[in-house]
Amino acid sequence: NLKPGERVALMLRNCREWAMFDLAAQGLGLVTVPIYTNDRPENIGYILQDAGVRLLLLEGDEQWQNLQQIRHQLAGLNRILTIEPVDPMG
């Protein structure tokens, strides 16, 4: 349910999923916001809020755990997707 011009973010190392997601987003008219995988959680939260990101794709459990520190800043996100399985309760 994303509309052209809305923002989606990637928090991945260089990989084929990064390229596929970016190309798919561009094809749908979405704006891709890249995020460093090893950035501080506070910076990640600021970027997500400031850019108005609606969807975030991340690598796996390590990034998922870092996001738990800034849960209050993730209210604008509609969805978080991961490439690798994560333990949402962990």
PDB file of N, CA and C in Angstrom:
ATOM      1  N   ASN A   1       0.811  -1.202   0.000  1.00  0.00           N
ATOM      2  CA  ASN A   1       0.000   0.000   0.000  1.00  0.00           C
ATOM      3  C   ASN A   1       0.854   1.266   0.000  1.00  0.00           C
ATOM      4  N   LEU A   2       2.004   1.199  -0.613  1.00  0.00           N
ATOM      5  CA  LEU A   2       2.864   2.385  -0.706  1.00  0.00           C
ATOM      6  C   LEU A   2       2.562   3.127  -1.994  1.00  0.00           C
ATOM      7  N   LYS A   3       2.647   4.438  -1.909  1.00  0.00           N
ATOM      8  CA  LYS A   3       2.373   5.285  -3.071  1.00  0.00           C
ATOM      9  C   LYS A   3       3.680   5.866  -3.603  1.00  0.00           C
ATOM     10  N   PRO A   4       3.727   6.165  -4.900  1.00  0.00           N
ATOM     11  CA  PRO A   4       4.937   6.788  -5.457  1.00  0.00           C
ATOM     12  C   PRO A   4       5.337   8.022  -4.651  1.00  0.00           C
ATOM     13  N   GLY A   5       6.636   8.145  -4.410  1.00  0.00           N
ATOM     14  CA  GLY A   5       7.171   9.257  -3.640  1.00  0.00           C
ATOM     15  C   GLY A   5       7.383   8.938  -2.171  1.00  0.00           C
ATOM     16  N   GLU A   6       6.757   7.871  -1.672  1.00  0.00           N
ATOM     17  CA  GLU A   6       6.963   7.498  -0.272  1.00  0.00           C
ATOM     18  C   GLU A   6       8.338   6.874  -0.109  1.00  0.00           C
ATOM     19  N   ARG A   7       8.830   6.889   1.134  1.00  0.00           N
ATOM     20  CA  ARG A   7      10.190   6.430   1.412  1.00  0.00           C
ATOM     21  C   ARG A   7      10.226   5.022   1.989  1.00  0.00           C
ATOM     22  N   VAL A   8      11.195   4.264   1.502  1.00  0.00           N
ATOM     23  CA  VAL A   8      11.515   2.943   2.046  1.00  0.00           C
ATOM     24  C   VAL A   8      13.000   2.943   2.364  1.00  0.00           C
ATOM     25  N   ALA A   9      13.390   2.238   3.411  1.00  0.00           N
ATOM     26  CA  ALA A   9      14.790   2.264   3.830  1.00  0.00           C
ATOM     27  C   ALA A   9      15.404   0.868   3.760  1.00  0.00           C
ATOM     28  N   LEU A  10      16.709   0.879   3.508  1.00  0.00           N
ATOM     29  CA  LEU A  10      17.517  -0.340   3.460  1.00  0.00           C
ATOM     30  C   LEU A  10      18.612  -0.239   4.505  1.00  0.00           C
ATOM     31  N   MET A  11      18.734  -1.262   5.336  1.00  0.00           N
ATOM     32  CA  MET A  11      19.841  -1.322   6.283  1.00  0.00           C
ATOM     33  C   MET A  11      20.516  -2.676   6.068  1.00  0.00           C
ATOM     34  N   LEU A  12      21.227  -2.776   4.944  1.00  0.00           N
ATOM     35  CA  LEU A  12      21.872  -4.018   4.525  1.00  0.00           C
ATOM     36  C   LEU A  12      23.308  -3.746   4.125  1.00  0.00           C
ATOM     37  N   ARG A  13      24.132  -4.797   4.238  1.00  0.00           N
ATOM     38  CA  ARG A  13      25.457  -4.732   3.620  1.00  0.00           C
ATOM     39  C   ARG A  13      25.249  -4.912   2.119  1.00  0.00           C
ATOM     40  N   ASN A  14      26.294  -4.729   1.338  1.00  0.00           N
ATOM     41  CA  ASN A  14      26.185  -4.942  -0.101  1.00  0.00           C
ATOM     42  C   ASN A  14      25.795  -6.389  -0.371  1.00  0.00           C
ATOM     43  N   CYS A  15      24.693  -6.566  -1.075  1.00  0.00           N
ATOM     44  CA  CYS A  15      24.227  -7.909  -1.410  1.00  0.00           C
ATOM     45  C   CYS A  15      23.219  -7.795  -2.553  1.00  0.00           C
ATOM     46  N   ARG A  16      22.881  -8.909  -3.141  1.00  0.00           N
ATOM     47  CA  ARG A  16      21.944  -8.876  -4.265  1.00  0.00           C
ATOM     48  C   ARG A  16      20.556  -8.421  -3.827  1.00  0.00           C
ATOM     49  N   GLU A  17      20.168  -8.716  -2.567  1.00  0.00           N
ATOM     50  CA  GLU A  17      18.865  -8.263  -2.063  1.00  0.00           C
ATOM     51  C   GLU A  17      18.774  -6.740  -2.031  1.00  0.00           C
ATOM     52  N   TRP A  18      19.904  -6.094  -1.735  1.00  0.00           N
ATOM     53  CA  TRP A  18      19.946  -4.622  -1.729  1.00  0.00           C
ATOM     54  C   TRP A  18      19.587  -4.110  -3.119  1.00  0.00           C
ATOM     55  N   ALA A  19      20.264  -4.659  -4.117  1.00  0.00           N
ATOM     56  CA  ALA A  19      20.040  -4.212  -5.493  1.00  0.00           C
ATOM     57  C   ALA A  19      18.616  -4.528  -5.951  1.00  0.00           C
ATOM     58  N   MET A  20      18.125  -5.720  -5.654  1.00  0.00           N
ATOM     59  CA  MET A  20      16.771  -6.098  -6.078  1.00  0.00           C
ATOM     60  C   MET A  20      15.718  -5.207  -5.427  1.00  0.00           C
ATOM     61  N   PHE A  21      15.865  -4.957  -4.124  1.00  0.00           N
ATOM     62  CA  PHE A  21      14.912  -4.117  -3.417  1.00  0.00           C
ATOM     63  C   PHE A  21      14.931  -2.695  -3.966  1.00  0.00           C
ATOM     64  N   ASP A  22      16.130  -2.166  -4.180  1.00  0.00           N
ATOM     65  CA  ASP A  22      16.269  -0.806  -4.691  1.00  0.00           C
ATOM     66  C   ASP A  22      15.644  -0.675  -6.077  1.00  0.00           C
ATOM     67  N   LEU A  23      15.911  -1.624  -6.958  1.00  0.00           N
ATOM     68  CA  LEU A  23      15.336  -1.574  -8.310  1.00  0.00           C
ATOM     69  C   LEU A  23      13.818  -1.703  -8.273  1.00  0.00           C
ATOM     70  N   ALA A  24      13.310  -2.593  -7.425  1.00  0.00           N
ATOM     71  CA  ALA A  24      11.861  -2.744  -7.296  1.00  0.00           C
ATOM     72  C   ALA A  24      11.228  -1.457  -6.769  1.00  0.00           C
ATOM     73  N   ALA A  25      11.859  -0.854  -5.774  1.00  0.00           N
ATOM     74  CA  ALA A  25      11.341   0.398  -5.211  1.00  0.00           C
ATOM     75  C   ALA A  25      11.317   1.494  -6.269  1.00  0.00           C
ATOM     76  N   GLN A  26      12.395   1.617  -7.028  1.00  0.00           N
ATOM     77  CA  GLN A  26      12.443   2.629  -8.085  1.00  0.00           C
ATOM     78  C   GLN A  26      11.360   2.374  -9.128  1.00  0.00           C
ATOM     79  N   GLY A  27      11.156   1.114  -9.464  1.00  0.00           N
ATOM     80  CA  GLY A  27      10.123   0.769 -10.439  1.00  0.00           C
ATOM     81  C   GLY A  27       8.729   1.151  -9.977  1.00  0.00           C
ATOM     82  N   LEU A  28       8.522   1.182  -8.668  1.00  0.00           N
ATOM     83  CA  LEU A  28       7.235   1.572  -8.101  1.00  0.00           C
ATOM     84  C   LEU A  28       7.156   3.067  -7.804  1.00  0.00           C
ATOM     85  N   GLY A  29       8.238   3.789  -8.095  1.00  0.00           N
ATOM     86  CA  GLY A  29       8.253   5.225  -7.847  1.00  0.00           C
ATOM     87  C   GLY A  29       8.545   5.591  -6.401  1.00  0.00           C
ATOM     88  N   LEU A  30       9.075   4.652  -5.620  1.00  0.00           N
ATOM     89  CA  LEU A  30       9.401   4.913  -4.220  1.00  0.00           C
ATOM     90  C   LEU A  30      10.795   5.505  -4.106  1.00  0.00           C
ATOM     91  N   VAL A  31      11.070   6.147  -2.996  1.00  0.00           N
ATOM     92  CA  VAL A  31      12.372   6.756  -2.743  1.00  0.00           C
ATOM     93  C   VAL A  31      13.117   5.869  -1.750  1.00  0.00           C
ATOM     94  N   THR A  32      14.307   5.413  -2.116  1.00  0.00           N
ATOM     95  CA  THR A  32      15.110   4.550  -1.255  1.00  0.00           C
ATOM     96  C   THR A  32      16.009   5.388  -0.349  1.00  0.00           C
ATOM     97  N   VAL A  33      15.973   5.077   0.939  1.00  0.00           N
ATOM     98  CA  VAL A  33      16.804   5.741   1.935  1.00  0.00           C
ATOM     99  C   VAL A  33      17.799   4.705   2.472  1.00  0.00           C
ATOM    100  N   PRO A  34      19.084   4.808   2.098  1.00  0.00           N
ATOM    101  CA  PRO A  34      20.057   3.845   2.625  1.00  0.00           C
ATOM    102  C   PRO A  34      20.493   4.223   4.037  1.00  0.00           C
ATOM    103  N   ILE A  35      20.691   3.196   4.866  1.00  0.00           N
ATOM    104  CA  ILE A  35      21.111   3.402   6.253  1.00  0.00           C
ATOM    105  C   ILE A  35      22.327   2.522   6.522  1.00  0.00           C
ATOM    106  N   TYR A  36      23.351   3.090   7.158  1.00  0.00           N
ATOM    107  CA  TYR A  36      24.539   2.315   7.508  1.00  0.00           C
ATOM    108  C   TYR A  36      24.167   1.189   8.468  1.00  0.00           C
ATOM    109  N   THR A  37      24.696   0.003   8.220  1.00  0.00           N
ATOM    110  CA  THR A  37      24.373  -1.147   9.071  1.00  0.00           C
ATOM    111  C   THR A  37      24.973  -1.034  10.464  1.00  0.00           C
ATOM    112  N   ASN A  38      26.039  -0.277  10.612  1.00  0.00           N
ATOM    113  CA  ASN A  38      26.694  -0.172  11.925  1.00  0.00           C
ATOM    114  C   ASN A  38      26.522   1.203  12.558  1.00  0.00           C
ATOM    115  N   ASP A  39      25.507   1.946  12.145  1.00  0.00           N
ATOM    116  CA  ASP A  39      25.261   3.265  12.725  1.00  0.00           C
ATOM    117  C   ASP A  39      24.646   3.116  14.119  1.00  0.00           C
ATOM    118  N   ARG A  40      24.735   4.177  14.903  1.00  0.00           N
ATOM    119  CA  ARG A  40      24.147   4.188  16.244  1.00  0.00           C
ATOM    120  C   ARG A  40      22.628   4.166  16.141  1.00  0.00           C
ATOM    121  N   PRO A  41      21.949   3.454  17.032  1.00  0.00           N
ATOM    122  CA  PRO A  41      20.490   3.395  16.982  1.00  0.00           C
ATOM    123  C   PRO A  41      19.823   4.766  16.984  1.00  0.00           C
ATOM    124  N   GLU A  42      20.376   5.726  17.733  1.00  0.00           N
ATOM    125  CA  GLU A  42      19.781   7.067  17.772  1.00  0.00           C
ATOM    126  C   GLU A  42      19.800   7.724  16.390  1.00  0.00           C
ATOM    127  N   ASN A  43      20.898   7.529  15.664  1.00  0.00           N
ATOM    128  CA  ASN A  43      20.994   8.087  14.312  1.00  0.00           C
ATOM    129  C   ASN A  43      20.004   7.413  13.374  1.00  0.00           C
ATOM    130  N   ILE A  44      19.874   6.113  13.495  1.00  0.00           N
ATOM    131  CA  ILE A  44      18.939   5.367  12.654  1.00  0.00           C
ATOM    132  C   ILE A  44      17.520   5.859  12.901  1.00  0.00           C
ATOM    133  N   GLY A  45      17.158   6.006  14.169  1.00  0.00           N
ATOM    134  CA  GLY A  45      15.823   6.502  14.503  1.00  0.00           C
ATOM    135  C   GLY A  45      15.569   7.880  13.943  1.00  0.00           C
ATOM    136  N   TYR A  46      16.558   8.747  14.042  1.00  0.00           N
ATOM    137  CA  TYR A  46      16.410  10.101  13.509  1.00  0.00           C
ATOM    138  C   TYR A  46      16.188  10.069  12.003  1.00  0.00           C
ATOM    139  N   ILE A  47      16.990   9.284  11.294  1.00  0.00           N
ATOM    140  CA  ILE A  47      16.865   9.213   9.836  1.00  0.00           C
ATOM    141  C   ILE A  47      15.490   8.676   9.445  1.00  0.00           C
ATOM    142  N   LEU A  48      15.056   7.610  10.107  1.00  0.00           N
ATOM    143  CA  LEU A  48      13.756   7.025   9.773  1.00  0.00           C
ATOM    144  C   LEU A  48      12.625   8.020   9.986  1.00  0.00           C
ATOM    145  N   GLN A  49      12.664   8.752  11.096  1.00  0.00           N
ATOM    146  CA  GLN A  49      11.627   9.740  11.378  1.00  0.00           C
ATOM    147  C   GLN A  49      11.709  10.933  10.436  1.00  0.00           C
ATOM    148  N   ASP A  50      12.897  11.473  10.268  1.00  0.00           N
ATOM    149  CA  ASP A  50      13.072  12.674   9.454  1.00  0.00           C
ATOM    150  C   ASP A  50      12.691  12.437   7.994  1.00  0.00           C
ATOM    151  N   ALA A  51      13.021  11.257   7.482  1.00  0.00           N
ATOM    152  CA  ALA A  51      12.710  10.953   6.080  1.00  0.00           C
ATOM    153  C   ALA A  51      11.270  10.479   5.907  1.00  0.00           C
ATOM    154  N   GLY A  52      10.591  10.163   6.992  1.00  0.00           N
ATOM    155  CA  GLY A  52       9.218   9.664   6.881  1.00  0.00           C
ATOM    156  C   GLY A  52       9.160   8.275   6.264  1.00  0.00           C
ATOM    157  N   VAL A  53      10.112   7.434   6.653  1.00  0.00           N
ATOM    158  CA  VAL A  53      10.201   6.080   6.087  1.00  0.00           C
ATOM    159  C   VAL A  53       8.996   5.257   6.522  1.00  0.00           C
ATOM    160  N   ARG A  54       8.395   4.552   5.559  1.00  0.00           N
ATOM    161  CA  ARG A  54       7.223   3.725   5.832  1.00  0.00           C
ATOM    162  C   ARG A  54       7.554   2.239   5.931  1.00  0.00           C
ATOM    163  N   LEU A  55       8.643   1.803   5.266  1.00  0.00           N
ATOM    164  CA  LEU A  55       9.031   0.400   5.259  1.00  0.00           C
ATOM    165  C   LEU A  55      10.534   0.312   5.403  1.00  0.00           C
ATOM    166  N   LEU A  56      10.997  -0.640   6.213  1.00  0.00           N
ATOM    167  CA  LEU A  56      12.428  -0.823   6.447  1.00  0.00           C
ATOM    168  C   LEU A  56      12.796  -2.274   6.174  1.00  0.00           C
ATOM    169  N   LEU A  57      13.831  -2.478   5.371  1.00  0.00           N
ATOM    170  CA  LEU A  57      14.380  -3.808   5.129  1.00  0.00           C
ATOM    171  C   LEU A  57      15.730  -3.882   5.813  1.00  0.00           C
ATOM    172  N   LEU A  58      15.889  -4.872   6.685  1.00  0.00           N
ATOM    173  CA  LEU A  58      17.169  -5.046   7.356  1.00  0.00           C
ATOM    174  C   LEU A  58      17.638  -6.480   7.222  1.00  0.00           C
ATOM    175  N   GLU A  59      18.893  -6.679   7.637  1.00  0.00           N
ATOM    176  CA  GLU A  59      19.550  -7.962   7.402  1.00  0.00           C
ATOM    177  C   GLU A  59      19.060  -9.069   8.330  1.00  0.00           C
ATOM    178  N   GLY A  60      19.123  -8.835   9.615  1.00  0.00           N
ATOM    179  CA  GLY A  60      18.766  -9.917  10.520  1.00  0.00           C
ATOM    180  C   GLY A  60      18.740  -9.504  11.975  1.00  0.00           C
ATOM    181  N   ASP A  61      19.059 -10.456  12.825  1.00  0.00           N
ATOM    182  CA  ASP A  61      18.866 -10.305  14.260  1.00  0.00           C
ATOM    183  C   ASP A  61      19.696  -9.189  14.883  1.00  0.00           C
ATOM    184  N   GLU A  62      20.923  -8.988  14.430  1.00  0.00           N
ATOM    185  CA  GLU A  62      21.759  -7.944  15.026  1.00  0.00           C
ATOM    186  C   GLU A  62      21.122  -6.565  14.846  1.00  0.00           C
ATOM    187  N   GLN A  63      20.673  -6.258  13.636  1.00  0.00           N
ATOM    188  CA  GLN A  63      20.023  -4.958  13.412  1.00  0.00           C
ATOM    189  C   GLN A  63      18.681  -4.886  14.145  1.00  0.00           C
ATOM    190  N   TRP A  64      17.959  -6.013  14.169  1.00  0.00           N
ATOM    191  CA  TRP A  64      16.671  -6.057  14.871  1.00  0.00           C
ATOM    192  C   TRP A  64      16.860  -5.703  16.349  1.00  0.00           C
ATOM    193  N   GLN A  65      17.884  -6.284  16.977  1.00  0.00           N
ATOM    194  CA  GLN A  65      18.139  -6.012  18.393  1.00  0.00           C
ATOM    195  C   GLN A  65      18.502  -4.545  18.616  1.00  0.00           C
ATOM    196  N   ASN A  66      19.265  -3.957  17.705  1.00  0.00           N
ATOM    197  CA  ASN A  66      19.612  -2.540  17.825  1.00  0.00           C
ATOM    198  C   ASN A  66      18.373  -1.656  17.734  1.00  0.00           C
ATOM    199  N   LEU A  67      17.405  -2.049  16.921  1.00  0.00           N
ATOM    200  CA  LEU A  67      16.184  -1.251  16.778  1.00  0.00           C
ATOM    201  C   LEU A  67      15.334  -1.264  18.039  1.00  0.00           C
ATOM    202  N   GLN A  68      15.477  -2.289  18.856  1.00  0.00           N
ATOM    203  CA  GLN A  68      14.672  -2.374  20.073  1.00  0.00           C
ATOM    204  C   GLN A  68      14.974  -1.213  21.020  1.00  0.00           C
ATOM    205  N   GLN A  69      16.166  -0.649  20.922  1.00  0.00           N
ATOM    206  CA  GLN A  69      16.536   0.493  21.763  1.00  0.00           C
ATOM    207  C   GLN A  69      15.788   1.764  21.375  1.00  0.00           C
ATOM    208  N   ILE A  70      15.263   1.807  20.154  1.00  0.00           N
ATOM    209  CA  ILE A  70      14.604   3.030  19.668  1.00  0.00           C
ATOM    210  C   ILE A  70      13.169   2.750  19.225  1.00  0.00           C
ATOM    211  N   ARG A  71      12.529   1.778  19.828  1.00  0.00           N
ATOM    212  CA  ARG A  71      11.157   1.409  19.436  1.00  0.00           C
ATOM    213  C   ARG A  71      10.222   2.606  19.378  1.00  0.00           C
ATOM    214  N   HIS A  72      10.365   3.528  20.323  1.00  0.00           N
ATOM    215  CA  HIS A  72       9.491   4.702  20.378  1.00  0.00           C
ATOM    216  C   HIS A  72       9.642   5.596  19.145  1.00  0.00           C
ATOM    217  N   GLN A  73      10.747   5.471  18.407  1.00  0.00           N
ATOM    218  CA  GLN A  73      10.972   6.293  17.220  1.00  0.00           C
ATOM    219  C   GLN A  73      10.493   5.595  15.942  1.00  0.00           C
ATOM    220  N   LEU A  74       9.938   4.412  16.064  1.00  0.00           N
ATOM    221  CA  LEU A  74       9.561   3.636  14.889  1.00  0.00           C
ATOM    222  C   LEU A  74       8.064   3.676  14.597  1.00  0.00           C
ATOM    223  N   ALA A  75       7.344   4.561  15.253  1.00  0.00           N
ATOM    224  CA  ALA A  75       5.887   4.600  15.098  1.00  0.00           C
ATOM    225  C   ALA A  75       5.451   4.883  13.663  1.00  0.00           C
ATOM    226  N   GLY A  76       6.251   5.615  12.901  1.00  0.00           N
ATOM    227  CA  GLY A  76       5.881   5.951  11.525  1.00  0.00           C
ATOM    228  C   GLY A  76       6.045   4.807  10.541  1.00  0.00           C
ATOM    229  N   LEU A  77       6.774   3.774  10.940  1.00  0.00           N
ATOM    230  CA  LEU A  77       6.979   2.629  10.053  1.00  0.00           C
ATOM    231  C   LEU A  77       5.715   1.784   9.981  1.00  0.00           C
ATOM    232  N   ASN A  78       5.346   1.381   8.770  1.00  0.00           N
ATOM    233  CA  ASN A  78       4.232   0.454   8.609  1.00  0.00           C
ATOM    234  C   ASN A  78       4.694  -0.992   8.718  1.00  0.00           C
ATOM    235  N   ARG A  79       5.948  -1.236   8.297  1.00  0.00           N
ATOM    236  CA  ARG A  79       6.428  -2.618   8.252  1.00  0.00           C
ATOM    237  C   ARG A  79       7.941  -2.661   8.327  1.00  0.00           C
ATOM    238  N   ILE A  80       8.443  -3.691   9.002  1.00  0.00           N
ATOM    239  CA  ILE A  80       9.877  -3.996   9.022  1.00  0.00           C
ATOM    240  C   ILE A  80      10.037  -5.399   8.455  1.00  0.00           C
ATOM    241  N   LEU A  81      10.866  -5.531   7.438  1.00  0.00           N
ATOM    242  CA  LEU A  81      11.153  -6.817   6.802  1.00  0.00           C
ATOM    243  C   LEU A  81      12.588  -7.197   7.098  1.00  0.00           C
ATOM    244  N   THR A  82      12.841  -8.497   7.231  1.00  0.00           N
ATOM    245  CA  THR A  82      14.210  -8.971   7.440  1.00  0.00           C
ATOM    246  C   THR A  82      14.535 -10.047   6.419  1.00  0.00           C
ATOM    247  N   ILE A  83      15.794 -10.106   6.026  1.00  0.00           N
ATOM    248  CA  ILE A  83      16.245 -11.133   5.098  1.00  0.00           C
ATOM    249  C   ILE A  83      16.408 -12.455   5.850  1.00  0.00           C
ATOM    250  N   GLU A  84      17.032 -12.395   7.028  1.00  0.00           N
ATOM    251  CA  GLU A  84      17.254 -13.578   7.851  1.00  0.00           C
ATOM    252  C   GLU A  84      16.200 -13.605   8.953  1.00  0.00           C
ATOM    253  N   PRO A  85      15.842 -14.787   9.440  1.00  0.00           N
ATOM    254  CA  PRO A  85      14.869 -14.865  10.538  1.00  0.00           C
ATOM    255  C   PRO A  85      15.380 -14.166  11.793  1.00  0.00           C
ATOM    256  N   VAL A  86      14.472 -13.568  12.538  1.00  0.00           N
ATOM    257  CA  VAL A  86      14.809 -12.921  13.805  1.00  0.00           C
ATOM    258  C   VAL A  86      13.880 -13.442  14.890  1.00  0.00           C
ATOM    259  N   ASP A  87      14.309 -13.287  16.142  1.00  0.00           N
ATOM    260  CA  ASP A  87      13.470 -13.636  17.274  1.00  0.00           C
ATOM    261  C   ASP A  87      12.826 -12.354  17.774  1.00  0.00           C
ATOM    262  N   PRO A  88      11.550 -12.110  17.442  1.00  0.00           N
ATOM    263  CA  PRO A  88      10.917 -10.851  17.834  1.00  0.00           C
ATOM    264  C   PRO A  88      10.787 -10.673  19.341  1.00  0.00           C
ATOM    265  N   MET A  89      10.886 -11.737  20.083  1.00  0.00           N
ATOM    266  CA  MET A  89      10.783 -11.640  21.545  1.00  0.00           C
ATOM    267  C   MET A  89      12.153 -11.537  22.205  1.00  0.00           C
ATOM    268  N   GLY A  90      13.232 -11.756  21.419  1.00  0.00           N
ATOM    269  CA  GLY A  90      14.580 -11.803  21.997  1.00  0.00           C
ATOM    270  C   GLY A  90      15.263 -10.522  22.129  1.00  0.00           C
TER     271      GLY A  90
END
